[in-house]
Amino acid sequence: MGDIKHGDANVHWAEKTFGNGKSRGITVKYKEGSKPAQSYKMTPNPHDDPWYNKNQGKFYDEAATELAKLLVASGATPATRSFPRYGKKIKVHNVEYTLSGS
């Protein structure tokens, strides 16, 4: 778990396990917003990247920062902002991940 700040947005993140416990993703919560937390499964599986296995905190900080950038771009005020829907792609440590719900 951790917290990041991008612009005026404070985001809390936590690692999320999917399915059989081998697939990984992230849950993010916008602290200033009133919407519930959003969870994403990340494809390809981050475990397939050797860098992830030794740098999990950095990985999730980077992923949360990329999601916060999309959040801030989605609206001018906390009430109008939301995290991206499934199907969006983010890049973490030079690997592109597709975000899905399960």
PDB file of N, CA and C in Angstrom:
ATOM      1  N   MET A   1       0.833  -1.175   0.000  1.00  0.00           N
ATOM      2  CA  MET A   1       0.000   0.000   0.000  1.00  0.00           C
ATOM      3  C   MET A   1       0.877   1.239   0.000  1.00  0.00           C
ATOM      4  N   GLY A   2       0.311   2.291  -0.557  1.00  0.00           N
ATOM      5  CA  GLY A   2       1.057   3.539  -0.588  1.00  0.00           C
ATOM      6  C   GLY A   2       0.176   4.685  -1.036  1.00  0.00           C
ATOM      7  N   ASP A   3       0.786   5.847  -1.091  1.00  0.00           N
ATOM      8  CA  ASP A   3       0.098   7.061  -1.500  1.00  0.00           C
ATOM      9  C   ASP A   3       0.990   7.832  -2.450  1.00  0.00           C
ATOM     10  N   ILE A   4       0.376   8.436  -3.470  1.00  0.00           N
ATOM     11  CA  ILE A   4       1.104   9.298  -4.392  1.00  0.00           C
ATOM     12  C   ILE A   4       0.297  10.576  -4.577  1.00  0.00           C
ATOM     13  N   LYS A   5       0.974  11.599  -5.086  1.00  0.00           N
ATOM     14  CA  LYS A   5       0.315  12.866  -5.400  1.00  0.00           C
ATOM     15  C   LYS A   5       0.694  13.243  -6.819  1.00  0.00           C
ATOM     16  N   HIS A   6      -0.312  13.632  -7.610  1.00  0.00           N
ATOM     17  CA  HIS A   6      -0.082  14.158  -8.955  1.00  0.00           C
ATOM     18  C   HIS A   6      -0.925  15.410  -9.095  1.00  0.00           C
ATOM     19  N   GLY A   7      -0.281  16.543  -9.316  1.00  0.00           N
ATOM     20  CA  GLY A   7      -1.013  17.801  -9.356  1.00  0.00           C
ATOM     21  C   GLY A   7      -1.702  18.011  -8.018  1.00  0.00           C
ATOM     22  N   ASP A   8      -3.018  18.230  -8.065  1.00  0.00           N
ATOM     23  CA  ASP A   8      -3.772  18.416  -6.824  1.00  0.00           C
ATOM     24  C   ASP A   8      -4.500  17.146  -6.388  1.00  0.00           C
ATOM     25  N   ALA A   9      -4.136  16.024  -6.987  1.00  0.00           N
ATOM     26  CA  ALA A   9      -4.807  14.754  -6.678  1.00  0.00           C
ATOM     27  C   ALA A   9      -3.940  13.872  -5.787  1.00  0.00           C
ATOM     28  N   ASN A  10      -4.522  13.425  -4.689  1.00  0.00           N
ATOM     29  CA  ASN A  10      -3.878  12.470  -3.790  1.00  0.00           C
ATOM     30  C   ASN A  10      -4.554  11.114  -3.993  1.00  0.00           C
ATOM     31  N   VAL A  11      -3.744  10.107  -4.289  1.00  0.00           N
ATOM     32  CA  VAL A  11      -4.268   8.777  -4.614  1.00  0.00           C
ATOM     33  C   VAL A  11      -3.631   7.736  -3.694  1.00  0.00           C
ATOM     34  N   HIS A  12      -4.474   6.912  -3.113  1.00  0.00           N
ATOM     35  CA  HIS A  12      -4.017   5.776  -2.304  1.00  0.00           C
ATOM     36  C   HIS A  12      -4.064   4.544  -3.195  1.00  0.00           C
ATOM     37  N   TRP A  13      -3.036   3.681  -3.126  1.00  0.00           N
ATOM     38  CA  TRP A  13      -3.021   2.463  -3.931  1.00  0.00           C
ATOM     39  C   TRP A  13      -2.753   1.244  -3.058  1.00  0.00           C
ATOM     40  N   ALA A  14      -3.188   0.096  -3.566  1.00  0.00           N
ATOM     41  CA  ALA A  14      -2.900  -1.199  -2.930  1.00  0.00           C
ATOM     42  C   ALA A  14      -2.778  -2.250  -4.022  1.00  0.00           C
ATOM     43  N   GLU A  15      -1.865  -3.193  -3.807  1.00  0.00           N
ATOM     44  CA  GLU A  15      -1.747  -4.317  -4.739  1.00  0.00           C
ATOM     45  C   GLU A  15      -3.028  -5.142  -4.668  1.00  0.00           C
ATOM     46  N   LYS A  16      -3.471  -5.645  -5.811  1.00  0.00           N
ATOM     47  CA  LYS A  16      -4.695  -6.449  -5.890  1.00  0.00           C
ATOM     48  C   LYS A  16      -4.355  -7.781  -6.555  1.00  0.00           C
ATOM     49  N   THR A  17      -4.830  -8.868  -5.978  1.00  0.00           N
ATOM     50  CA  THR A  17      -4.636 -10.212  -6.526  1.00  0.00           C
ATOM     51  C   THR A  17      -5.917 -10.641  -7.230  1.00  0.00           C
ATOM     52  N   PHE A  18      -5.768 -11.254  -8.387  1.00  0.00           N
ATOM     53  CA  PHE A  18      -6.916 -11.718  -9.169  1.00  0.00           C
ATOM     54  C   PHE A  18      -6.851 -13.214  -9.398  1.00  0.00           C
ATOM     55  N   GLY A  19      -8.038 -13.801  -9.572  1.00  0.00           N
ATOM     56  CA  GLY A  19      -8.164 -15.200  -9.974  1.00  0.00           C
ATOM     57  C   GLY A  19      -7.472 -16.165  -9.042  1.00  0.00           C
ATOM     58  N   ASN A  20      -6.541 -16.897  -9.593  1.00  0.00           N
ATOM     59  CA  ASN A  20      -5.863 -17.969  -8.861  1.00  0.00           C
ATOM     60  C   ASN A  20      -4.748 -17.461  -7.950  1.00  0.00           C
ATOM     61  N   GLY A  21      -4.669 -16.162  -7.766  1.00  0.00           N
ATOM     62  CA  GLY A  21      -3.643 -15.590  -6.901  1.00  0.00           C
ATOM     63  C   GLY A  21      -2.336 -15.290  -7.595  1.00  0.00           C
ATOM     64  N   LYS A  22      -2.233 -15.623  -8.877  1.00  0.00           N
ATOM     65  CA  LYS A  22      -0.996 -15.381  -9.611  1.00  0.00           C
ATOM     66  C   LYS A  22      -1.046 -14.107 -10.442  1.00  0.00           C
ATOM     67  N   SER A  23      -2.233 -13.644 -10.785  1.00  0.00           N
ATOM     68  CA  SER A  23      -2.371 -12.417 -11.572  1.00  0.00           C
ATOM     69  C   SER A  23      -2.422 -11.224 -10.637  1.00  0.00           C
ATOM     70  N   ARG A  24      -1.796 -10.131 -11.065  1.00  0.00           N
ATOM     71  CA  ARG A  24      -1.716  -8.947 -10.230  1.00  0.00           C
ATOM     72  C   ARG A  24      -2.358  -7.746 -10.902  1.00  0.00           C
ATOM     73  N   GLY A  25      -2.718  -6.815 -10.038  1.00  0.00           N
ATOM     74  CA  GLY A  25      -3.282  -5.562 -10.485  1.00  0.00           C
ATOM     75  C   GLY A  25      -3.168  -4.543  -9.376  1.00  0.00           C
ATOM     76  N   ILE A  26      -3.986  -3.509  -9.457  1.00  0.00           N
ATOM     77  CA  ILE A  26      -3.907  -2.406  -8.512  1.00  0.00           C
ATOM     78  C   ILE A  26      -5.310  -1.902  -8.185  1.00  0.00           C
ATOM     79  N   THR A  27      -5.491  -1.500  -6.947  1.00  0.00           N
ATOM     80  CA  THR A  27      -6.702  -0.796  -6.525  1.00  0.00           C
ATOM     81  C   THR A  27      -6.275   0.618  -6.164  1.00  0.00           C
ATOM     82  N   VAL A  28      -7.014   1.607  -6.698  1.00  0.00           N
ATOM     83  CA  VAL A  28      -6.703   3.002  -6.442  1.00  0.00           C
ATOM     84  C   VAL A  28      -7.935   3.711  -5.895  1.00  0.00           C
ATOM     85  N   LYS A  29      -7.693   4.671  -5.007  1.00  0.00           N
ATOM     86  CA  LYS A  29      -8.769   5.472  -4.420  1.00  0.00           C
ATOM     87  C   LYS A  29      -8.341   6.928  -4.459  1.00  0.00           C
ATOM     88  N   TYR A  30      -9.189   7.757  -5.059  1.00  0.00           N
ATOM     89  CA  TYR A  30      -8.961   9.196  -5.128  1.00  0.00           C
ATOM     90  C   TYR A  30      -9.423   9.800  -3.811  1.00  0.00           C
ATOM     91  N   LYS A  31      -8.500  10.328  -3.030  1.00  0.00           N
ATOM     92  CA  LYS A  31      -8.828  10.786  -1.683  1.00  0.00           C
ATOM     93  C   LYS A  31      -9.763  11.992  -1.670  1.00  0.00           C
ATOM     94  N   GLU A  32      -9.645  12.874  -2.658  1.00  0.00           N
ATOM     95  CA  GLU A  32     -10.498  14.064  -2.678  1.00  0.00           C
ATOM     96  C   GLU A  32     -11.882  13.787  -3.269  1.00  0.00           C
ATOM     97  N   GLY A  33     -12.018  12.717  -3.990  1.00  0.00           N
ATOM     98  CA  GLY A  33     -13.281  12.413  -4.653  1.00  0.00           C
ATOM     99  C   GLY A  33     -14.212  11.595  -3.776  1.00  0.00           C
ATOM    100  N   SER A  34     -15.451  11.521  -4.186  1.00  0.00           N
ATOM    101  CA  SER A  34     -16.443  10.766  -3.410  1.00  0.00           C
ATOM    102  C   SER A  34     -16.742   9.395  -4.025  1.00  0.00           C
ATOM    103  N   LYS A  35     -16.119   9.086  -5.150  1.00  0.00           N
ATOM    104  CA  LYS A  35     -16.373   7.815  -5.824  1.00  0.00           C
ATOM    105  C   LYS A  35     -15.633   6.678  -5.122  1.00  0.00           C
ATOM    106  N   PRO A  36     -16.147   5.444  -5.267  1.00  0.00           N
ATOM    107  CA  PRO A  36     -15.474   4.300  -4.618  1.00  0.00           C
ATOM    108  C   PRO A  36     -14.128   3.995  -5.277  1.00  0.00           C
ATOM    109  N   ALA A  37     -13.370   3.162  -4.602  1.00  0.00           N
ATOM    110  CA  ALA A  37     -12.085   2.718  -5.147  1.00  0.00           C
ATOM    111  C   ALA A  37     -12.308   1.959  -6.447  1.00  0.00           C
ATOM    112  N   GLN A  38     -11.278   1.975  -7.306  1.00  0.00           N
ATOM    113  CA  GLN A  38     -11.336   1.295  -8.605  1.00  0.00           C
ATOM    114  C   GLN A  38     -10.219   0.255  -8.650  1.00  0.00           C
ATOM    115  N   SER A  39     -10.538  -0.979  -9.051  1.00  0.00           N
ATOM    116  CA  SER A  39      -9.532  -2.037  -9.172  1.00  0.00           C
ATOM    117  C   SER A  39      -9.317  -2.387 -10.634  1.00  0.00           C
ATOM    118  N   TYR A  40      -8.064  -2.672 -10.968  1.00  0.00           N
ATOM    119  CA  TYR A  40      -7.690  -3.047 -12.325  1.00  0.00           C
ATOM    120  C   TYR A  40      -6.798  -4.278 -12.310  1.00  0.00           C
ATOM    121  N   LYS A  41      -7.091  -5.235 -13.157  1.00  0.00           N
ATOM    122  CA  LYS A  41      -6.158  -6.318 -13.453  1.00  0.00           C
ATOM    123  C   LYS A  41      -5.240  -5.794 -14.545  1.00  0.00           C
ATOM    124  N   MET A  42      -3.968  -6.118 -14.462  1.00  0.00           N
ATOM    125  CA  MET A  42      -2.997  -5.615 -15.437  1.00  0.00           C
ATOM    126  C   MET A  42      -2.497  -6.759 -16.308  1.00  0.00           C
ATOM    127  N   THR A  43      -2.571  -6.550 -17.631  1.00  0.00           N
ATOM    128  CA  THR A  43      -2.112  -7.542 -18.599  1.00  0.00           C
ATOM    129  C   THR A  43      -1.081  -6.890 -19.504  1.00  0.00           C
ATOM    130  N   PRO A  44       0.124  -7.500 -19.640  1.00  0.00           N
ATOM    131  CA  PRO A  44       0.526  -8.811 -19.136  1.00  0.00           C
ATOM    132  C   PRO A  44       0.689  -8.801 -17.618  1.00  0.00           C
ATOM    133  N   ASN A  45       0.770  -9.975 -17.052  1.00  0.00           N
ATOM    134  CA  ASN A  45       0.938 -10.118 -15.614  1.00  0.00           C
ATOM    135  C   ASN A  45       2.265  -9.477 -15.197  1.00  0.00           C
ATOM    136  N   PRO A  46       2.239  -8.523 -14.251  1.00  0.00           N
ATOM    137  CA  PRO A  46       3.493  -7.902 -13.806  1.00  0.00           C
ATOM    138  C   PRO A  46       4.553  -8.905 -13.339  1.00  0.00           C
ATOM    139  N   HIS A  47       4.136 -10.068 -12.847  1.00  0.00           N
ATOM    140  CA  HIS A  47       5.109 -11.083 -12.406  1.00  0.00           C
ATOM    141  C   HIS A  47       6.006 -11.552 -13.536  1.00  0.00           C
ATOM    142  N   ASP A  48       5.601 -11.341 -14.777  1.00  0.00           N
ATOM    143  CA  ASP A  48       6.424 -11.741 -15.919  1.00  0.00           C
ATOM    144  C   ASP A  48       7.597 -10.790 -16.154  1.00  0.00           C
ATOM    145  N   ASP A  49       7.613  -9.652 -15.479  1.00  0.00           N
ATOM    146  CA  ASP A  49       8.687  -8.666 -15.594  1.00  0.00           C
ATOM    147  C   ASP A  49       9.625  -8.822 -14.397  1.00  0.00           C
ATOM    148  N   PRO A  50      10.872  -9.258 -14.616  1.00  0.00           N
ATOM    149  CA  PRO A  50      11.799  -9.444 -13.495  1.00  0.00           C
ATOM    150  C   PRO A  50      11.989  -8.182 -12.655  1.00  0.00           C
ATOM    151  N   TRP A  51      11.900  -7.001 -13.272  1.00  0.00           N
ATOM    152  CA  TRP A  51      12.051  -5.746 -12.529  1.00  0.00           C
ATOM    153  C   TRP A  51      10.951  -5.608 -11.475  1.00  0.00           C
ATOM    154  N   TYR A  52       9.725  -5.991 -11.832  1.00  0.00           N
ATOM    155  CA  TYR A  52       8.596  -5.921 -10.898  1.00  0.00           C
ATOM    156  C   TYR A  52       8.896  -6.726  -9.631  1.00  0.00           C
ATOM    157  N   ASN A  53       9.432  -7.919  -9.803  1.00  0.00           N
ATOM    158  CA  ASN A  53       9.634  -8.816  -8.673  1.00  0.00           C
ATOM    159  C   ASN A  53      10.601  -8.269  -7.626  1.00  0.00           C
ATOM    160  N   LYS A  54      11.488  -7.365  -8.026  1.00  0.00           N
ATOM    161  CA  LYS A  54      12.443  -6.788  -7.078  1.00  0.00           C
ATOM    162  C   LYS A  54      12.108  -5.344  -6.713  1.00  0.00           C
ATOM    163  N   ASN A  55      11.069  -4.777  -7.350  1.00  0.00           N
ATOM    164  CA  ASN A  55      10.746  -3.361  -7.169  1.00  0.00           C
ATOM    165  C   ASN A  55       9.240  -3.133  -7.078  1.00  0.00           C
ATOM    166  N   GLN A  56       8.558  -3.940  -6.292  1.00  0.00           N
ATOM    167  CA  GLN A  56       7.095  -3.869  -6.274  1.00  0.00           C
ATOM    168  C   GLN A  56       6.576  -2.509  -5.809  1.00  0.00           C
ATOM    169  N   GLY A  57       7.168  -1.922  -4.796  1.00  0.00           N
ATOM    170  CA  GLY A  57       6.721  -0.610  -4.336  1.00  0.00           C
ATOM    171  C   GLY A  57       6.862   0.443  -5.419  1.00  0.00           C
ATOM    172  N   LYS A  58       8.014   0.458  -6.090  1.00  0.00           N
ATOM    173  CA  LYS A  58       8.235   1.405  -7.184  1.00  0.00           C
ATOM    174  C   LYS A  58       7.252   1.146  -8.328  1.00  0.00           C
ATOM    175  N   PHE A  59       7.012  -0.130  -8.626  1.00  0.00           N
ATOM    176  CA  PHE A  59       6.076  -0.480  -9.698  1.00  0.00           C
ATOM    177  C   PHE A  59       4.700   0.113  -9.425  1.00  0.00           C
ATOM    178  N   TYR A  60       4.184  -0.102  -8.219  1.00  0.00           N
ATOM    179  CA  TYR A  60       2.841   0.375  -7.911  1.00  0.00           C
ATOM    180  C   TYR A  60       2.789   1.900  -7.767  1.00  0.00           C
ATOM    181  N   ASP A  61       3.870   2.524  -7.304  1.00  0.00           N
ATOM    182  CA  ASP A  61       3.925   3.991  -7.303  1.00  0.00           C
ATOM    183  C   ASP A  61       3.818   4.520  -8.733  1.00  0.00           C
ATOM    184  N   GLU A  62       4.559   3.905  -9.663  1.00  0.00           N
ATOM    185  CA  GLU A  62       4.514   4.321 -11.069  1.00  0.00           C
ATOM    186  C   GLU A  62       3.129   4.088 -11.666  1.00  0.00           C
ATOM    187  N   ALA A  63       2.554   2.924 -11.408  1.00  0.00           N
ATOM    188  CA  ALA A  63       1.225   2.619 -11.940  1.00  0.00           C
ATOM    189  C   ALA A  63       0.193   3.592 -11.394  1.00  0.00           C
ATOM    190  N   ALA A  64       0.237   3.868 -10.093  1.00  0.00           N
ATOM    191  CA  ALA A  64      -0.709   4.799  -9.485  1.00  0.00           C
ATOM    192  C   ALA A  64      -0.523   6.209 -10.045  1.00  0.00           C
ATOM    193  N   THR A  65       0.713   6.606 -10.309  1.00  0.00           N
ATOM    194  CA  THR A  65       0.979   7.920 -10.891  1.00  0.00           C
ATOM    195  C   THR A  65       0.388   8.016 -12.290  1.00  0.00           C
ATOM    196  N   GLU A  66       0.549   6.968 -13.098  1.00  0.00           N
ATOM    197  CA  GLU A  66      -0.044   6.968 -14.443  1.00  0.00           C
ATOM    198  C   GLU A  66      -1.564   7.058 -14.366  1.00  0.00           C
ATOM    199  N   LEU A  67      -2.166   6.352 -13.429  1.00  0.00           N
ATOM    200  CA  LEU A  67      -3.619   6.417 -13.253  1.00  0.00           C
ATOM    201  C   LEU A  67      -4.045   7.797 -12.738  1.00  0.00           C
ATOM    202  N   ALA A  68      -3.247   8.405 -11.875  1.00  0.00           N
ATOM    203  CA  ALA A  68      -3.563   9.745 -11.374  1.00  0.00           C
ATOM    204  C   ALA A  68      -3.502  10.778 -12.495  1.00  0.00           C
ATOM    205  N   LYS A  69      -2.568  10.625 -13.417  1.00  0.00           N
ATOM    206  CA  LYS A  69      -2.497  11.534 -14.572  1.00  0.00           C
ATOM    207  C   LYS A  69      -3.795  11.460 -15.377  1.00  0.00           C
ATOM    208  N   LEU A  70      -4.279  10.245 -15.607  1.00  0.00           N
ATOM    209  CA  LEU A  70      -5.536  10.079 -16.344  1.00  0.00           C
ATOM    210  C   LEU A  70      -6.713  10.631 -15.549  1.00  0.00           C
ATOM    211  N   LEU A  71      -6.679  10.447 -14.233  1.00  0.00           N
ATOM    212  CA  LEU A  71      -7.722  10.969 -13.360  1.00  0.00           C
ATOM    213  C   LEU A  71      -7.802  12.492 -13.468  1.00  0.00           C
ATOM    214  N   VAL A  72      -6.680  13.172 -13.307  1.00  0.00           N
ATOM    215  CA  VAL A  72      -6.646  14.627 -13.350  1.00  0.00           C
ATOM    216  C   VAL A  72      -7.103  15.142 -14.718  1.00  0.00           C
ATOM    217  N   ALA A  73      -6.701  14.438 -15.774  1.00  0.00           N
ATOM    218  CA  ALA A  73      -7.094  14.854 -17.129  1.00  0.00           C
ATOM    219  C   ALA A  73      -8.588  14.661 -17.394  1.00  0.00           C
ATOM    220  N   SER A  74      -9.264  13.864 -16.588  1.00  0.00           N
ATOM    221  CA  SER A  74     -10.673  13.534 -16.850  1.00  0.00           C
ATOM    222  C   SER A  74     -11.653  14.623 -16.410  1.00  0.00           C
ATOM    223  N   GLY A  75     -11.213  15.565 -15.577  1.00  0.00           N
ATOM    224  CA  GLY A  75     -12.131  16.600 -15.113  1.00  0.00           C
ATOM    225  C   GLY A  75     -11.423  17.717 -14.379  1.00  0.00           C
ATOM    226  N   ALA A  76     -12.072  18.869 -14.329  1.00  0.00           N
ATOM    227  CA  ALA A  76     -11.461  20.058 -13.735  1.00  0.00           C
ATOM    228  C   ALA A  76     -11.545  20.075 -12.210  1.00  0.00           C
ATOM    229  N   THR A  77     -12.523  19.393 -11.638  1.00  0.00           N
ATOM    230  CA  THR A  77     -12.704  19.419 -10.188  1.00  0.00           C
ATOM    231  C   THR A  77     -12.822  18.000  -9.656  1.00  0.00           C
ATOM    232  N   PRO A  78     -12.587  17.794  -8.356  1.00  0.00           N
ATOM    233  CA  PRO A  78     -12.720  16.450  -7.790  1.00  0.00           C
ATOM    234  C   PRO A  78     -14.075  15.799  -8.084  1.00  0.00           C
ATOM    235  N   ALA A  79     -15.131  16.580  -8.101  1.00  0.00           N
ATOM    236  CA  ALA A  79     -16.471  16.024  -8.339  1.00  0.00           C
ATOM    237  C   ALA A  79     -16.651  15.517  -9.767  1.00  0.00           C
ATOM    238  N   THR A  80     -15.867  16.039 -10.706  1.00  0.00           N
ATOM    239  CA  THR A  80     -16.039  15.640 -12.115  1.00  0.00           C
ATOM    240  C   THR A  80     -14.991  14.639 -12.584  1.00  0.00           C
ATOM    241  N   ARG A  81     -14.067  14.260 -11.723  1.00  0.00           N
ATOM    242  CA  ARG A  81     -12.979  13.358 -12.119  1.00  0.00           C
ATOM    243  C   ARG A  81     -13.340  11.894 -11.878  1.00  0.00           C
ATOM    244  N   SER A  82     -12.757  11.038 -12.712  1.00  0.00           N
ATOM    245  CA  SER A  82     -12.907   9.600 -12.486  1.00  0.00           C
ATOM    246  C   SER A  82     -11.717   8.878 -13.097  1.00  0.00           C
ATOM    247  N   PHE A  83     -11.432   7.695 -12.555  1.00  0.00           N
ATOM    248  CA  PHE A  83     -10.376   6.864 -13.113  1.00  0.00           C
ATOM    249  C   PHE A  83     -10.853   6.300 -14.445  1.00  0.00           C
ATOM    250  N   PRO A  84      -9.900   5.914 -15.313  1.00  0.00           N
ATOM    251  CA  PRO A  84     -10.293   5.417 -16.633  1.00  0.00           C
ATOM    252  C   PRO A  84     -11.050   4.095 -16.563  1.00  0.00           C
ATOM    253  N   ARG A  85     -11.844   3.850 -17.566  1.00  0.00           N
ATOM    254  CA  ARG A  85     -12.581   2.589 -17.677  1.00  0.00           C
ATOM    255  C   ARG A  85     -11.632   1.495 -18.152  1.00  0.00           C
ATOM    256  N   TYR A  86     -12.126   0.301 -18.139  1.00  0.00           N
ATOM    257  CA  TYR A  86     -11.332  -0.846 -18.570  1.00  0.00           C
ATOM    258  C   TYR A  86     -10.988  -0.726 -20.053  1.00  0.00           C
ATOM    259  N   GLY A  87      -9.838  -1.294 -20.413  1.00  0.00           N
ATOM    260  CA  GLY A  87      -9.380  -1.248 -21.789  1.00  0.00           C
ATOM    261  C   GLY A  87      -8.302  -0.201 -22.015  1.00  0.00           C
ATOM    262  N   LYS A  88      -8.158   0.733 -21.091  1.00  0.00           N
ATOM    263  CA  LYS A  88      -7.124   1.767 -21.197  1.00  0.00           C
ATOM    264  C   LYS A  88      -5.759   1.125 -20.995  1.00  0.00           C
ATOM    265  N   LYS A  89      -4.729   1.738 -21.570  1.00  0.00           N
ATOM    266  CA  LYS A  89      -3.366   1.234 -21.427  1.00  0.00           C
ATOM    267  C   LYS A  89      -2.525   2.255 -20.665  1.00  0.00           C
ATOM    268  N   ILE A  90      -1.652   1.749 -19.807  1.00  0.00           N
ATOM    269  CA  ILE A  90      -0.675   2.588 -19.113  1.00  0.00           C
ATOM    270  C   ILE A  90       0.697   1.944 -19.279  1.00  0.00           C
ATOM    271  N   LYS A  91       1.737   2.735 -19.141  1.00  0.00           N
ATOM    272  CA  LYS A  91       3.097   2.221 -19.246  1.00  0.00           C
ATOM    273  C   LYS A  91       3.778   2.333 -17.895  1.00  0.00           C
ATOM    274  N   VAL A  92       4.344   1.217 -17.425  1.00  0.00           N
ATOM    275  CA  VAL A  92       5.070   1.165 -16.159  1.00  0.00           C
ATOM    276  C   VAL A  92       6.423   0.528 -16.430  1.00  0.00           C
ATOM    277  N   HIS A  93       7.479   1.257 -16.123  1.00  0.00           N
ATOM    278  CA  HIS A  93       8.847   0.783 -16.344  1.00  0.00           C
ATOM    279  C   HIS A  93       9.017   0.228 -17.761  1.00  0.00           C
ATOM    280  N   ASN A  94       8.563   0.996 -18.733  1.00  0.00           N
ATOM    281  CA  ASN A  94       8.696   0.693 -20.167  1.00  0.00           C
ATOM    282  C   ASN A  94       7.919  -0.526 -20.646  1.00  0.00           C
ATOM    283  N   VAL A  95       6.962  -1.002 -19.855  1.00  0.00           N
ATOM    284  CA  VAL A  95       6.081  -2.097 -20.278  1.00  0.00           C
ATOM    285  C   VAL A  95       4.669  -1.539 -20.347  1.00  0.00           C
ATOM    286  N   GLU A  96       3.981  -1.812 -21.451  1.00  0.00           N
ATOM    287  CA  GLU A  96       2.595  -1.352 -21.597  1.00  0.00           C
ATOM    288  C   GLU A  96       1.643  -2.383 -21.023  1.00  0.00           C
ATOM    289  N   TYR A  97       0.750  -1.920 -20.157  1.00  0.00           N
ATOM    290  CA  TYR A  97      -0.240  -2.781 -19.496  1.00  0.00           C
ATOM    291  C   TYR A  97      -1.640  -2.352 -19.906  1.00  0.00           C
ATOM    292  N   THR A  98      -2.488  -3.331 -20.193  1.00  0.00           N
ATOM    293  CA  THR A  98      -3.891  -3.080 -20.451  1.00  0.00           C
ATOM    294  C   THR A  98      -4.645  -3.294 -19.147  1.00  0.00           C
ATOM    295  N   LEU A  99      -5.545  -2.372 -18.838  1.00  0.00           N
ATOM    296  CA  LEU A  99      -6.319  -2.432 -17.595  1.00  0.00           C
ATOM    297  C   LEU A  99      -7.653  -3.097 -17.856  1.00  0.00           C
ATOM    298  N   SER A 100      -7.975  -4.091 -17.041  1.00  0.00           N
ATOM    299  CA  SER A 100      -9.266  -4.766 -17.171  1.00  0.00           C
ATOM    300  C   SER A 100      -9.848  -4.999 -15.777  1.00  0.00           C
ATOM    301  N   GLY A 101     -11.060  -5.538 -15.760  1.00  0.00           N
ATOM    302  CA  GLY A 101     -11.742  -5.739 -14.487  1.00  0.00           C
ATOM    303  C   GLY A 101     -11.508  -7.093 -13.873  1.00  0.00           C
ATOM    304  N   SER A 102     -11.111  -8.075 -14.651  1.00  0.00           N
ATOM    305  CA  SER A 102     -10.860  -9.403 -14.066  1.00  0.00           C
ATOM    306  C   SER A 102     -10.106 -10.279 -15.026  1.00  0.00           C
TER     307      SER A 102
END
